[in-house]
Amino acid sequence: MHIRASHPIRSVGSLLRPYRGRVLSAALFHVVQDSPLWLVPVFTAQIIDTVVAGADFGRLWLLVALTVLVLSVHYPNHIWYVRMYSTAYRSVAADLRNALTAHLQGLSIGFHTRKSASVIQTKIVRDVENVELLLQQVFPVVLISLSILVGSITVTAMQAPAFLLVFALTVPIAAGLVAGMRRRAARRNEAFRREMEDLSARVGEMATLIPITRAHGLEHTASTRVAETAESVKRAGLALDRLNSRFETTSWVSFNVLSTLCIGSAGWAAMSGLAPITAGQVVLLGTYFATLTSATTQLVGLTPIISRGVESINSIAEVLEDADLERNAGKTVVDRVVGQITFDQVGYSFADAPRPAIDHIDLDIQPGETVAFVGASGSGKSTTINLVLGFIRPTVGRVLLDGRDMERLDLRTYRRFVSVVPQESVLFEGSIRENITYGLSDVPEERVRRALVDANAAEIVDALPDGLDTMVGQRGARLSGGQRQRLAIARALIRDPRILLLDEATSALDSASEAKVKSALDTLMRGRTSLVVAHRLSTIRGADRIVVMDHGRIVEVGDHDALLATGGAYARLHAAQLQ
């Protein structure tokens, strides 16, 4: 699948290529299905001429029977057309969504930090739907127009060749209208799409901040922010609608005036004897041109859908063409982790930042060791954890895993040996069992139970009427913060990780919940290399080493008692928390 913003039409062809057999079959069925549109006028003209000529009833009813027979071919061919083509364009939509999802999984954390989740959702849902609509609606109209054009020209060339010039006028008129519309429609559709993405981002932000908004009585402020963006969407939509309306009415008037002139010209030629045209042929030509102009008007009228679909292809290409990927292909597969992590003169700088987030740190963490990172906000603790996860790569120096440069490792395989317990664990909408065994298959019941017991979470499940099959709600909304955290610890335990990363894992909990989570974390960390980010110094007293960071540098390293005894940065942080 090759989606390119610079070649949207070619991209559409690329999307359909895997289903070209079905598309060609659908086209054949559609052409046969539409054949009555240009065959029936032939029989109608002959019926009129038969009536005008006299009382040949046998010929009359034969022509009627042939017309009915031609009309009847529509039903079976339409059924087969829908069966073939709907499979093709529905499959294209599924392929696009799968391709977007897979590419998003491969893009760096930096990309996801820059992009709103709501905007990404809009691309997967709305933009793919627009491409699907483009394929669904444009293809049959193009086939109808071509079928009528070819059939009409063929019959007209046989019966009234002088009128071929009139038919030929429809093509340049349609092309001129589309050309005049295309650039302006592209600009207006892009503007509308950008405004819709802004609205999606603002609504997502509003939904996330509702607890804060309600707590501070800021409902009006939040509503105003969304309303301002909605007003921008309305203005962009109105500008697009006005352009579309001018285009639609211009094309409608142009083609219908041309159709009227055509039938008038045919009537004048028949009445004046300028051309040997019968009354039936006048009706034939008028019907052909009316049908052709109707199909052409319909095709030209699809220009807004085409423009919207092309703009959606551009939107999708923004993701699929983004090169900010985590490069793992061809790198060494990690099939075993002991747990030694070494920072060798590691530095990291964010783009356009005035100073490094991490400034040439050296640290050797032994297998099974628990190391805590403390320091003021912005000191570099979370950046250090992200370096260990491989979410970001050092701008200078190396991070080594068991003596191997992580730059040369397939980080996807390495992360199978890692578990993360963040400050606020997120559960997806599903059962407790599904959340704990996420990504695993055929997990025995006793293994799940063991993880729950070790995480101090068995009591949560036992108190629920449906046990492990209890649905937790979206983002675990039916559970308390402490319950979600203990289930997240059970999810980490069941994977038996060699490296454990805890990022403020108890800071959002009350004292009672913190005690239970702390006990579960002690079980989780036992025998594993554990890196802990903490603000509450009381939670890390048992760490083998405490690393104190300040402005991206390591300023102190030692255990709790030794650091207190030195009276340095750690002692000052400790004293400040006791006040």
Protein backbone atom coordinates (compact mmCIF):
# COMPACT_ATOMS: atom_id res chain seq x y z
CA MET A 1 0.00 0.00 0.00
CA HIS A 2 1.59 3.26 -1.18
CA ILE A 3 -0.25 6.37 0.00
CA ARG A 4 1.31 9.60 -1.24
CA ALA A 5 -0.07 13.09 -0.66
CA SER A 6 1.59 14.18 -3.91
CA HIS A 7 -0.27 11.53 -5.95
CA PRO A 8 -3.77 11.05 -4.45
CA ILE A 9 -5.31 9.47 -7.58
CA ARG A 10 -2.40 7.05 -7.91
CA SER A 11 -2.85 6.30 -4.22
CA VAL A 12 -6.46 5.29 -4.85
CA GLY A 13 -5.26 2.88 -7.52
CA SER A 14 -2.75 1.45 -5.08
CA LEU A 15 -5.50 0.88 -2.52
CA LEU A 16 -7.64 -1.03 -5.04
CA ARG A 17 -4.80 -3.04 -6.61
CA PRO A 18 -5.11 -6.07 -4.26
CA TYR A 19 -8.80 -6.30 -5.25
CA ARG A 20 -8.48 -5.58 -8.97
CA GLY A 21 -10.14 -8.91 -9.88
CA ARG A 22 -13.24 -7.99 -7.91
CA VAL A 23 -13.19 -4.41 -9.24
CA LEU A 24 -12.99 -5.58 -12.86
CA SER A 25 -15.80 -8.09 -12.29
CA ALA A 26 -17.88 -5.39 -10.62
CA ALA A 27 -17.25 -3.06 -13.57
CA LEU A 28 -18.45 -5.74 -16.01
CA PHE A 29 -21.63 -6.42 -14.01
CA HIS A 30 -22.26 -2.67 -13.72
CA VAL A 31 -21.91 -2.08 -17.47
CA VAL A 32 -24.41 -4.88 -18.20
CA GLN A 33 -26.70 -3.59 -15.46
CA ASP A 34 -26.70 -0.11 -17.03
CA SER A 35 -27.16 -1.26 -20.62
CA PRO A 36 -30.95 -0.53 -20.48
CA LEU A 37 -30.09 3.18 -20.12
CA TRP A 38 -28.97 3.31 -23.77
CA LEU A 39 -30.81 0.27 -25.19
CA VAL A 40 -34.33 1.14 -23.98
CA PRO A 41 -34.39 4.50 -25.86
CA VAL A 42 -33.71 2.54 -29.10
CA PHE A 43 -36.78 0.36 -28.52
CA THR A 44 -38.80 3.40 -27.38
CA ALA A 45 -37.97 5.23 -30.62
CA GLN A 46 -39.01 2.17 -32.66
CA ILE A 47 -42.26 1.87 -30.69
CA ILE A 48 -43.06 5.54 -31.47
CA ASP A 49 -42.26 5.09 -35.15
CA THR A 50 -44.40 1.90 -35.23
CA VAL A 51 -47.32 3.78 -33.70
CA VAL A 52 -46.89 6.67 -36.16
CA ALA A 53 -46.59 4.31 -39.15
CA GLY A 54 -49.81 2.35 -38.54
CA ALA A 55 -51.41 -0.63 -36.79
CA ASP A 56 -48.63 -3.24 -36.70
CA PHE A 57 -49.64 -4.71 -33.32
CA GLY A 58 -47.32 -7.71 -33.61
CA ARG A 59 -44.25 -5.48 -33.97
CA LEU A 60 -45.50 -3.23 -31.16
CA TRP A 61 -45.80 -6.04 -28.60
CA LEU A 62 -42.54 -7.62 -29.74
CA LEU A 63 -40.77 -4.35 -29.05
CA VAL A 64 -42.49 -4.08 -25.65
CA ALA A 65 -41.42 -7.65 -24.79
CA LEU A 66 -37.82 -6.94 -25.83
CA THR A 67 -37.82 -3.78 -23.69
CA VAL A 68 -39.03 -5.73 -20.64
CA LEU A 69 -36.36 -8.37 -21.27
CA VAL A 70 -33.63 -5.72 -21.45
CA LEU A 71 -34.87 -4.09 -18.24
CA SER A 72 -34.85 -7.43 -16.38
CA VAL A 73 -31.07 -7.84 -16.75
CA HIS A 74 -30.63 -5.05 -14.19
CA TYR A 75 -31.60 -7.10 -11.11
CA PRO A 76 -29.11 -10.02 -11.16
CA ASN A 77 -26.24 -7.87 -12.42
CA HIS A 78 -26.81 -5.24 -9.74
CA ILE A 79 -26.78 -7.92 -7.01
CA TRP A 80 -23.45 -9.27 -8.27
CA TYR A 81 -22.01 -5.76 -8.72
CA VAL A 82 -22.75 -4.86 -5.09
CA ARG A 83 -21.39 -8.19 -3.88
CA MET A 84 -18.12 -7.72 -5.76
CA TYR A 85 -17.48 -4.01 -5.31
CA SER A 86 -18.68 -3.59 -1.73
CA THR A 87 -16.16 -6.25 -0.69
CA ALA A 88 -13.44 -4.26 -2.45
CA TYR A 89 -14.09 -0.80 -0.97
CA ARG A 90 -14.96 -2.12 2.50
CA SER A 91 -11.69 -4.09 2.45
CA VAL A 92 -9.79 -0.96 1.39
CA ALA A 93 -11.22 0.89 4.41
CA ALA A 94 -10.17 -1.96 6.73
CA ASP A 95 -6.71 -2.07 5.11
CA LEU A 96 -6.28 1.68 5.59
CA ARG A 97 -7.27 1.53 9.25
CA ASN A 98 -4.97 -1.44 9.83
CA ALA A 99 -2.09 0.31 8.04
CA LEU A 100 -2.61 3.47 10.09
CA THR A 101 -2.77 1.49 13.32
CA ALA A 102 0.37 -0.51 12.50
CA HIS A 103 2.30 2.62 11.47
CA LEU A 104 1.20 4.48 14.59
CA GLN A 105 2.53 1.61 16.69
CA GLY A 106 5.90 1.99 14.98
CA LEU A 107 6.14 5.78 15.27
CA SER A 108 8.28 7.19 18.02
CA ILE A 109 6.96 8.43 21.35
CA GLY A 110 8.01 11.90 20.17
CA PHE A 111 5.42 11.73 17.39
CA HIS A 112 2.66 10.74 19.82
CA THR A 113 3.72 13.53 22.17
CA ARG A 114 3.31 16.07 19.36
CA LYS A 115 0.02 14.74 17.99
CA SER A 116 -3.31 14.87 19.77
CA ALA A 117 -4.91 11.47 20.30
CA SER A 118 -8.22 12.97 19.15
CA VAL A 119 -6.68 14.09 15.85
CA ILE A 120 -5.25 10.60 15.28
CA GLN A 121 -8.69 9.15 16.02
CA THR A 122 -10.21 11.52 13.44
CA LYS A 123 -7.77 10.29 10.79
CA ILE A 124 -8.57 6.63 11.48
CA VAL A 125 -12.34 7.13 11.64
CA ARG A 126 -13.43 10.18 9.63
CA ASP A 127 -10.71 10.39 6.98
CA VAL A 128 -10.88 6.68 6.14
CA GLU A 129 -14.67 6.99 5.96
CA ASN A 130 -14.26 9.83 3.42
CA VAL A 131 -11.96 7.68 1.26
CA GLU A 132 -14.46 4.82 1.51
CA LEU A 133 -17.25 7.20 0.45
CA LEU A 134 -15.12 8.38 -2.48
CA LEU A 135 -14.70 4.81 -3.72
CA GLN A 136 -18.31 3.88 -3.04
CA GLN A 137 -19.96 6.80 -4.84
CA VAL A 138 -17.61 7.86 -7.63
CA PHE A 139 -16.90 4.45 -9.21
CA PRO A 140 -20.51 3.58 -10.20
CA VAL A 141 -21.22 7.09 -11.52
CA VAL A 142 -18.08 7.02 -13.67
CA LEU A 143 -19.15 3.63 -15.06
CA ILE A 144 -22.69 4.88 -15.76
CA SER A 145 -21.38 7.97 -17.54
CA LEU A 146 -18.93 6.00 -19.65
CA SER A 147 -21.51 3.33 -20.46
CA ILE A 148 -24.12 5.90 -21.55
CA LEU A 149 -21.54 7.95 -23.45
CA VAL A 150 -20.21 4.96 -25.42
CA GLY A 151 -23.69 3.50 -26.06
CA SER A 152 -25.21 6.85 -27.03
CA ILE A 153 -22.39 7.79 -29.37
CA THR A 154 -22.48 4.35 -31.01
CA VAL A 155 -26.24 4.41 -31.67
CA THR A 156 -26.22 8.09 -32.66
CA ALA A 157 -23.38 7.48 -35.12
CA MET A 158 -25.53 4.78 -36.73
CA GLN A 159 -28.84 6.69 -36.80
CA ALA A 160 -28.07 10.45 -36.70
CA PRO A 161 -24.33 11.10 -37.09
CA ALA A 162 -24.86 14.84 -37.52
CA PHE A 163 -25.64 15.12 -33.82
CA LEU A 164 -22.34 13.62 -32.62
CA LEU A 165 -20.93 17.16 -32.30
CA VAL A 166 -23.61 18.06 -29.76
CA PHE A 167 -22.68 15.05 -27.62
CA ALA A 168 -19.02 15.96 -27.86
CA LEU A 169 -19.74 19.35 -26.21
CA THR A 170 -20.52 17.68 -22.87
CA VAL A 171 -16.91 16.57 -22.30
CA PRO A 172 -15.17 19.98 -22.54
CA ILE A 173 -17.95 21.65 -20.54
CA ALA A 174 -17.65 19.08 -17.75
CA ALA A 175 -13.83 19.28 -17.85
CA GLY A 176 -13.95 23.08 -17.67
CA LEU A 177 -16.30 23.06 -14.69
CA VAL A 178 -14.19 20.51 -12.78
CA ALA A 179 -10.95 22.37 -13.55
CA GLY A 180 -12.47 25.61 -12.33
CA MET A 181 -13.62 23.96 -9.11
CA ARG A 182 -10.62 21.81 -8.31
CA ARG A 183 -8.08 24.21 -6.82
CA ARG A 184 -10.56 26.26 -4.82
CA ALA A 185 -12.25 23.10 -3.55
CA ALA A 186 -8.87 21.67 -2.50
CA ARG A 187 -8.06 24.79 -0.47
CA ARG A 188 -11.49 24.93 1.16
CA ASN A 189 -11.50 21.21 1.99
CA GLU A 190 -8.04 21.44 3.55
CA ALA A 191 -9.11 24.42 5.65
CA PHE A 192 -12.24 22.59 6.77
CA ARG A 193 -10.26 19.43 7.60
CA ARG A 194 -7.74 21.42 9.70
CA GLU A 195 -10.55 23.10 11.62
CA MET A 196 -12.19 19.71 12.26
CA GLU A 197 -8.91 18.32 13.61
CA ASP A 198 -8.60 21.35 15.91
CA LEU A 199 -12.15 20.73 17.12
CA SER A 200 -11.40 17.04 17.77
CA ALA A 201 -8.31 17.99 19.77
CA ARG A 202 -10.24 20.61 21.77
CA VAL A 203 -13.11 18.20 22.54
CA GLY A 204 -10.61 15.52 23.63
CA GLU A 205 -8.92 18.07 25.88
CA MET A 206 -12.27 19.13 27.34
CA ALA A 207 -13.26 15.53 28.11
CA THR A 208 -9.93 14.89 29.86
CA LEU A 209 -10.15 18.06 31.94
CA ILE A 210 -13.80 17.72 33.05
CA PRO A 211 -12.88 16.79 36.68
CA ILE A 212 -10.57 19.85 36.92
CA THR A 213 -13.09 22.07 35.15
CA ARG A 214 -15.94 21.06 37.48
CA ALA A 215 -13.75 21.29 40.58
CA HIS A 216 -12.84 24.92 39.82
CA GLY A 217 -16.22 26.02 38.46
CA LEU A 218 -14.79 26.64 34.98
CA GLU A 219 -17.60 25.07 32.96
CA HIS A 220 -18.27 28.31 31.06
CA THR A 221 -14.58 28.74 30.21
CA ALA A 222 -14.35 25.17 28.87
CA SER A 223 -17.55 25.58 26.87
CA THR A 224 -16.30 28.87 25.41
CA ARG A 225 -13.02 27.28 24.25
CA VAL A 226 -14.90 24.55 22.39
CA ALA A 227 -17.49 27.03 21.08
CA GLU A 228 -14.75 29.23 19.57
CA THR A 229 -13.32 26.27 17.68
CA ALA A 230 -16.82 25.12 16.65
CA GLU A 231 -17.44 28.61 15.25
CA SER A 232 -14.26 28.31 13.17
CA VAL A 233 -15.49 24.95 11.86
CA LYS A 234 -18.84 26.56 11.00
CA ARG A 235 -17.16 29.37 9.05
CA ALA A 236 -14.95 26.94 7.13
CA GLY A 237 -17.96 24.71 6.44
CA LEU A 238 -20.09 27.63 5.22
CA ALA A 239 -17.33 28.75 2.85
CA LEU A 240 -17.09 25.20 1.48
CA ASP A 241 -20.89 24.91 1.15
CA ARG A 242 -21.12 28.21 -0.75
CA LEU A 243 -18.45 27.09 -3.19
CA ASN A 244 -20.18 23.72 -3.69
CA SER A 245 -23.56 25.37 -4.22
CA ARG A 246 -22.22 27.70 -6.94
CA PHE A 247 -20.59 24.77 -8.65
CA GLU A 248 -23.69 22.53 -8.47
CA THR A 249 -26.09 25.11 -9.84
CA THR A 250 -23.71 26.16 -12.63
CA SER A 251 -23.29 22.56 -13.79
CA TRP A 252 -27.05 21.85 -13.52
CA VAL A 253 -28.06 24.90 -15.57
CA SER A 254 -25.32 24.36 -18.18
CA PHE A 255 -26.17 20.75 -18.90
CA ASN A 256 -29.94 21.18 -18.87
CA VAL A 257 -29.75 24.16 -21.23
CA LEU A 258 -27.56 22.06 -23.52
CA SER A 259 -30.07 19.18 -23.29
CA THR A 260 -32.95 21.50 -24.25
CA LEU A 261 -30.97 22.91 -27.18
CA CYS A 262 -30.21 19.36 -28.35
CA ILE A 263 -33.84 18.21 -28.49
CA GLY A 264 -34.87 21.54 -30.02
CA SER A 265 -32.22 21.16 -32.72
CA ALA A 266 -33.34 17.59 -33.45
CA GLY A 267 -36.97 18.73 -33.73
CA TRP A 268 -36.03 21.63 -36.02
CA ALA A 269 -33.97 19.29 -38.24
CA ALA A 270 -36.90 16.85 -38.50
CA MET A 271 -39.49 19.58 -39.22
CA SER A 272 -37.39 21.45 -41.77
CA GLY A 273 -36.26 18.32 -43.56
CA LEU A 274 -32.65 19.34 -43.00
CA ALA A 275 -31.86 15.81 -41.83
CA PRO A 276 -33.77 12.54 -42.34
CA ILE A 277 -34.84 12.20 -38.68
CA THR A 278 -38.08 10.50 -37.63
CA ALA A 279 -40.19 11.43 -34.62
CA GLY A 280 -38.87 8.40 -32.77
CA GLN A 281 -35.28 9.45 -33.43
CA VAL A 282 -36.03 12.92 -32.04
CA VAL A 283 -37.19 11.23 -28.83
CA LEU A 284 -34.14 8.93 -28.98
CA LEU A 285 -31.69 11.83 -29.23
CA GLY A 286 -33.51 13.83 -26.56
CA THR A 287 -33.57 10.86 -24.18
CA TYR A 288 -29.90 10.09 -24.79
CA PHE A 289 -28.81 13.62 -24.19
CA ALA A 290 -31.04 14.03 -21.13
CA THR A 291 -29.67 10.78 -19.67
CA LEU A 292 -26.09 11.67 -20.57
CA THR A 293 -26.30 15.17 -19.14
CA SER A 294 -27.96 13.78 -16.00
CA ALA A 295 -25.12 11.31 -15.51
CA THR A 296 -22.51 13.96 -16.27
CA THR A 297 -24.18 16.40 -13.88
CA GLN A 298 -24.16 13.68 -11.23
CA LEU A 299 -20.48 12.98 -11.89
CA VAL A 300 -19.55 16.65 -11.78
CA GLY A 301 -21.70 17.00 -8.67
CA LEU A 302 -19.48 14.44 -6.98
CA THR A 303 -16.55 16.87 -7.15
CA PRO A 304 -17.04 17.93 -3.49
CA ILE A 305 -16.91 14.27 -2.42
CA ILE A 306 -13.85 13.73 -4.62
CA SER A 307 -12.17 16.83 -3.15
CA ARG A 308 -13.01 15.72 0.39
CA GLY A 309 -11.73 12.21 -0.33
CA VAL A 310 -8.49 13.54 -1.84
CA GLU A 311 -7.97 15.79 1.18
CA SER A 312 -8.55 12.79 3.46
CA ILE A 313 -5.89 10.87 1.51
CA ASN A 314 -3.54 13.79 2.19
CA SER A 315 -4.47 13.63 5.88
CA ILE A 316 -3.82 9.88 6.06
CA ALA A 317 -0.54 10.36 4.19
CA GLU A 318 0.59 12.77 6.94
CA VAL A 319 0.77 9.73 9.22
CA LEU A 320 1.86 7.03 6.78
CA GLU A 321 4.62 9.24 5.30
CA ASP A 322 5.93 10.36 8.68
CA ALA A 323 9.49 9.04 8.98
CA ASP A 324 9.75 9.47 12.76
CA LEU A 325 9.85 5.70 13.22
CA GLU A 326 11.52 3.57 15.81
CA ARG A 327 14.01 1.70 13.64
CA ASN A 328 14.20 -1.96 14.68
CA ALA A 329 14.47 -3.80 11.37
CA GLY A 330 17.69 -5.78 11.01
CA LYS A 331 18.81 -5.19 14.58
CA THR A 332 19.79 -7.86 17.10
CA VAL A 333 16.88 -9.78 18.58
CA VAL A 334 16.90 -9.88 22.38
CA ASP A 335 16.03 -13.38 23.57
CA ARG A 336 17.43 -13.12 27.10
CA VAL A 337 17.85 -10.30 29.62
CA VAL A 338 19.98 -10.51 32.75
CA GLY A 339 19.19 -6.98 33.89
CA GLN A 340 22.40 -4.93 33.88
CA ILE A 341 21.89 -1.36 32.65
CA THR A 342 24.81 0.99 32.06
CA PHE A 343 24.75 4.69 31.24
CA ASP A 344 28.00 5.60 29.49
CA GLN A 345 28.41 9.39 29.25
CA VAL A 346 24.74 9.64 28.25
CA GLY A 347 23.27 12.97 27.23
CA TYR A 348 19.92 13.89 25.75
CA SER A 349 18.62 17.20 24.43
CA PHE A 350 15.10 17.99 23.33
CA ALA A 351 14.75 19.98 20.12
CA ASP A 352 15.08 23.74 20.67
CA ALA A 353 15.65 23.25 24.41
CA PRO A 354 18.09 25.79 25.93
CA ARG A 355 19.99 23.09 27.86
CA PRO A 356 20.27 19.28 27.87
CA ALA A 357 17.62 17.28 29.73
CA ILE A 358 20.33 14.71 30.56
CA ASP A 359 23.92 15.94 30.74
CA HIS A 360 26.65 13.28 30.38
CA ILE A 361 25.69 10.87 33.16
CA ASP A 362 27.54 7.67 34.09
CA LEU A 363 25.76 4.97 36.08
CA ASP A 364 26.06 1.19 36.29
CA ILE A 365 22.98 -0.67 37.58
CA GLN A 366 23.54 -4.33 38.49
CA PRO A 367 21.07 -7.18 37.85
CA GLY A 368 18.46 -7.38 40.62
CA GLU A 369 19.38 -3.98 42.04
CA THR A 370 16.73 -1.41 43.03
CA VAL A 371 17.77 2.12 42.08
CA ALA A 372 15.61 5.14 42.89
CA PHE A 373 15.81 8.47 41.06
CA VAL A 374 14.88 11.61 42.97
CA GLY A 375 15.13 15.32 42.35
CA ALA A 376 13.09 18.41 41.64
CA SER A 377 10.69 18.56 38.68
CA GLY A 378 12.67 18.91 35.47
CA SER A 379 15.78 17.31 36.90
CA GLY A 380 15.75 14.52 34.30
CA LYS A 381 14.23 11.56 36.17
CA SER A 382 11.50 10.66 33.68
CA THR A 383 13.84 11.28 30.74
CA THR A 384 16.21 8.73 32.24
CA ILE A 385 13.41 6.16 32.44
CA ASN A 386 12.43 6.88 28.81
CA LEU A 387 16.04 6.28 27.77
CA VAL A 388 15.98 2.87 29.48
CA LEU A 389 12.70 2.03 27.70
CA GLY A 390 14.20 3.14 24.39
CA PHE A 391 11.38 5.62 23.82
CA ILE A 392 14.11 8.18 23.14
CA ARG A 393 17.71 7.59 22.09
CA PRO A 394 20.76 9.35 23.59
CA THR A 395 21.99 12.34 21.61
CA VAL A 396 25.44 11.59 23.05
CA GLY A 397 26.86 8.53 24.80
CA ARG A 398 25.41 5.02 25.05
CA VAL A 399 22.90 3.07 27.12
CA LEU A 400 24.02 -0.57 27.49
CA LEU A 401 21.84 -3.58 28.26
CA ASP A 402 23.88 -6.49 29.62
CA GLY A 403 26.92 -4.92 27.98
CA ARG A 404 25.26 -4.41 24.54
CA ASP A 405 24.57 -1.00 23.05
CA MET A 406 20.79 -0.61 22.96
CA GLU A 407 21.14 1.33 19.69
CA ARG A 408 21.91 -2.01 18.02
CA LEU A 409 19.05 -3.99 19.66
CA ASP A 410 15.52 -4.69 18.44
CA LEU A 411 13.75 -2.81 21.22
CA ARG A 412 10.44 -4.56 20.54
CA THR A 413 11.99 -7.86 21.64
CA TYR A 414 13.78 -6.20 24.58
CA ARG A 415 10.53 -4.76 25.95
CA ARG A 416 9.08 -8.25 26.33
CA PHE A 417 11.33 -8.47 29.39
CA VAL A 418 10.21 -5.09 30.80
CA SER A 419 7.17 -4.02 32.80
CA VAL A 420 6.12 -0.48 33.62
CA VAL A 421 3.89 0.69 36.46
CA PRO A 422 3.13 4.40 35.90
CA GLN A 423 1.74 6.97 38.31
CA GLU A 424 -1.81 6.39 37.11
CA SER A 425 -2.32 2.99 35.55
CA VAL A 426 -4.74 2.80 32.64
CA LEU A 427 -7.05 -0.17 32.18
CA PHE A 428 -8.92 -0.71 28.94
CA GLU A 429 -12.64 -1.42 28.75
CA GLY A 430 -12.90 -5.15 29.31
CA SER A 431 -12.84 -7.72 32.09
CA ILE A 432 -10.29 -7.90 34.89
CA ARG A 433 -8.95 -11.12 33.39
CA GLU A 434 -8.46 -9.47 29.97
CA ASN A 435 -6.64 -6.53 31.54
CA ILE A 436 -4.27 -8.69 33.56
CA THR A 437 -3.45 -11.10 30.71
CA TYR A 438 -3.31 -8.34 28.06
CA GLY A 439 -1.14 -9.54 25.17
CA LEU A 440 -0.79 -13.08 26.56
CA SER A 441 -2.64 -16.17 25.41
CA ASP A 442 -3.76 -19.34 27.18
CA VAL A 443 -2.81 -18.15 30.66
CA PRO A 444 -3.74 -20.77 33.30
CA GLU A 445 -6.21 -19.73 35.99
CA GLU A 446 -3.73 -20.50 38.78
CA ARG A 447 -1.13 -18.19 37.23
CA VAL A 448 -3.63 -15.34 37.14
CA ARG A 449 -4.60 -16.06 40.74
CA ARG A 450 -0.97 -16.11 41.87
CA ALA A 451 -0.35 -12.70 40.28
CA LEU A 452 -3.44 -11.28 42.01
CA VAL A 453 -2.36 -12.63 45.40
CA ASP A 454 1.18 -11.27 45.03
CA ALA A 455 -0.22 -7.89 43.98
CA ASN A 456 -2.57 -7.72 47.00
CA ALA A 457 -5.40 -7.62 44.46
CA ALA A 458 -7.11 -10.96 45.15
CA GLU A 459 -9.44 -9.30 47.66
CA ILE A 460 -10.63 -6.90 44.93
CA VAL A 461 -11.64 -9.75 42.64
CA ASP A 462 -13.14 -11.87 45.43
CA ALA A 463 -15.45 -9.02 46.47
CA LEU A 464 -16.93 -8.69 42.97
CA PRO A 465 -19.94 -10.84 41.94
CA ASP A 466 -18.43 -11.77 38.56
CA GLY A 467 -14.88 -12.19 39.82
CA LEU A 468 -12.28 -12.13 37.06
CA ASP A 469 -15.00 -11.62 34.47
CA THR A 470 -16.11 -8.31 36.01
CA MET A 471 -16.02 -5.46 33.48
CA VAL A 472 -13.90 -2.57 34.72
CA GLY A 473 -15.45 0.16 32.56
CA GLN A 474 -13.66 2.61 30.28
CA ARG A 475 -10.15 3.32 31.62
CA GLY A 476 -11.07 1.28 34.70
CA ALA A 477 -13.64 3.87 35.84
CA ARG A 478 -15.51 1.38 38.07
CA LEU A 479 -12.45 0.88 40.28
CA SER A 480 -10.64 3.15 42.69
CA GLY A 481 -7.13 4.45 42.01
CA GLY A 482 -5.59 1.99 44.44
CA GLN A 483 -7.50 -0.94 42.94
CA ARG A 484 -6.41 0.02 39.41
CA GLN A 485 -2.81 0.28 40.56
CA ARG A 486 -2.82 -3.16 42.20
CA LEU A 487 -4.35 -4.71 39.07
CA ALA A 488 -1.63 -3.02 37.04
CA ILE A 489 0.95 -4.59 39.33
CA ALA A 490 -0.70 -7.98 38.79
CA ARG A 491 -0.46 -7.32 35.03
CA ALA A 492 3.27 -6.69 35.47
CA LEU A 493 3.80 -9.72 37.73
CA ILE A 494 2.17 -12.18 35.36
CA ARG A 495 4.79 -11.28 32.73
CA ASP A 496 7.67 -12.08 35.11
CA PRO A 497 9.79 -9.14 33.84
CA ARG A 498 13.55 -8.90 34.33
CA ILE A 499 13.49 -5.08 34.36
CA LEU A 500 10.87 -3.07 36.21
CA LEU A 501 10.21 0.65 35.82
CA LEU A 502 8.10 2.43 38.42
CA ASP A 503 7.19 6.04 37.68
CA GLU A 504 5.64 7.70 40.75
CA ALA A 505 3.65 4.50 41.26
CA THR A 506 2.17 5.50 44.65
CA SER A 507 2.11 9.30 44.52
CA ALA A 508 -1.58 9.56 43.57
CA LEU A 509 -2.86 7.25 46.35
CA ASP A 510 -4.20 7.77 49.84
CA SER A 511 -2.31 6.32 52.79
CA ALA A 512 -4.38 3.12 53.08
CA SER A 513 -4.12 2.34 49.37
CA GLU A 514 -0.43 3.30 49.33
CA ALA A 515 0.39 0.74 52.02
CA LYS A 516 -1.23 -2.09 50.03
CA VAL A 517 0.35 -0.99 46.76
CA LYS A 518 3.75 -0.59 48.46
CA SER A 519 3.53 -4.16 49.76
CA ALA A 520 2.63 -5.39 46.26
CA LEU A 521 5.52 -3.43 44.77
CA ASP A 522 7.97 -5.01 47.23
CA THR A 523 6.88 -8.42 45.93
CA LEU A 524 7.09 -7.24 42.34
CA MET A 525 10.63 -5.83 42.69
CA ARG A 526 12.09 -8.86 44.41
CA GLY A 527 14.90 -10.34 42.28
CA ARG A 528 14.35 -7.87 39.44
CA THR A 529 16.33 -4.86 38.24
CA SER A 530 14.06 -2.02 39.35
CA LEU A 531 14.27 1.65 38.47
CA VAL A 532 12.02 3.82 40.61
CA VAL A 533 11.08 7.47 40.10
CA ALA A 534 9.67 8.93 43.29
CA HIS A 535 8.75 12.24 44.91
CA ARG A 536 7.81 10.72 48.27
CA LEU A 537 11.19 9.83 49.73
CA SER A 538 9.49 7.65 52.35
CA THR A 539 8.65 5.11 49.62
CA ILE A 540 12.28 4.50 48.58
CA ARG A 541 14.09 4.04 51.87
CA GLY A 542 14.68 0.40 51.07
CA ALA A 543 16.30 1.07 47.66
CA ASP A 544 19.79 -0.32 47.18
CA ARG A 545 20.90 3.03 45.82
CA ILE A 546 19.30 6.44 45.48
CA VAL A 547 20.38 8.66 42.58
CA VAL A 548 19.85 12.37 43.19
CA MET A 549 19.52 14.40 39.98
CA ASP A 550 19.62 18.13 39.35
CA HIS A 551 19.37 19.82 35.94
CA GLY A 552 20.13 16.59 34.12
CA ARG A 553 23.19 15.70 36.18
CA ILE A 554 23.78 13.13 38.91
CA VAL A 555 24.79 15.04 42.03
CA GLU A 556 24.66 12.25 44.64
CA VAL A 557 24.47 8.45 44.76
CA GLY A 558 24.07 6.28 47.86
CA ASP A 559 21.59 4.55 50.15
CA HIS A 560 19.11 6.41 52.33
CA ASP A 561 21.18 6.48 55.52
CA ALA A 562 24.45 7.36 53.80
CA LEU A 563 22.90 10.25 51.88
CA LEU A 564 21.27 11.64 55.02
CA ALA A 565 24.61 11.46 56.80
CA THR A 566 26.37 13.53 54.12
CA GLY A 567 23.91 16.40 54.57
CA GLY A 568 23.78 17.17 50.84
CA ALA A 569 20.99 17.54 48.27
CA TYR A 570 19.14 14.41 49.38
CA ALA A 571 19.18 15.48 53.03
CA ARG A 572 17.72 18.85 52.04
CA LEU A 573 14.93 17.18 50.03
CA HIS A 574 14.22 14.87 52.98
CA ALA A 575 14.09 17.75 55.45
CA ALA A 576 11.76 19.72 53.18
CA GLN A 577 9.27 16.81 53.07
CA LEU A 578 9.28 16.50 56.87
CA GLN A 579 8.21 20.10 57.36
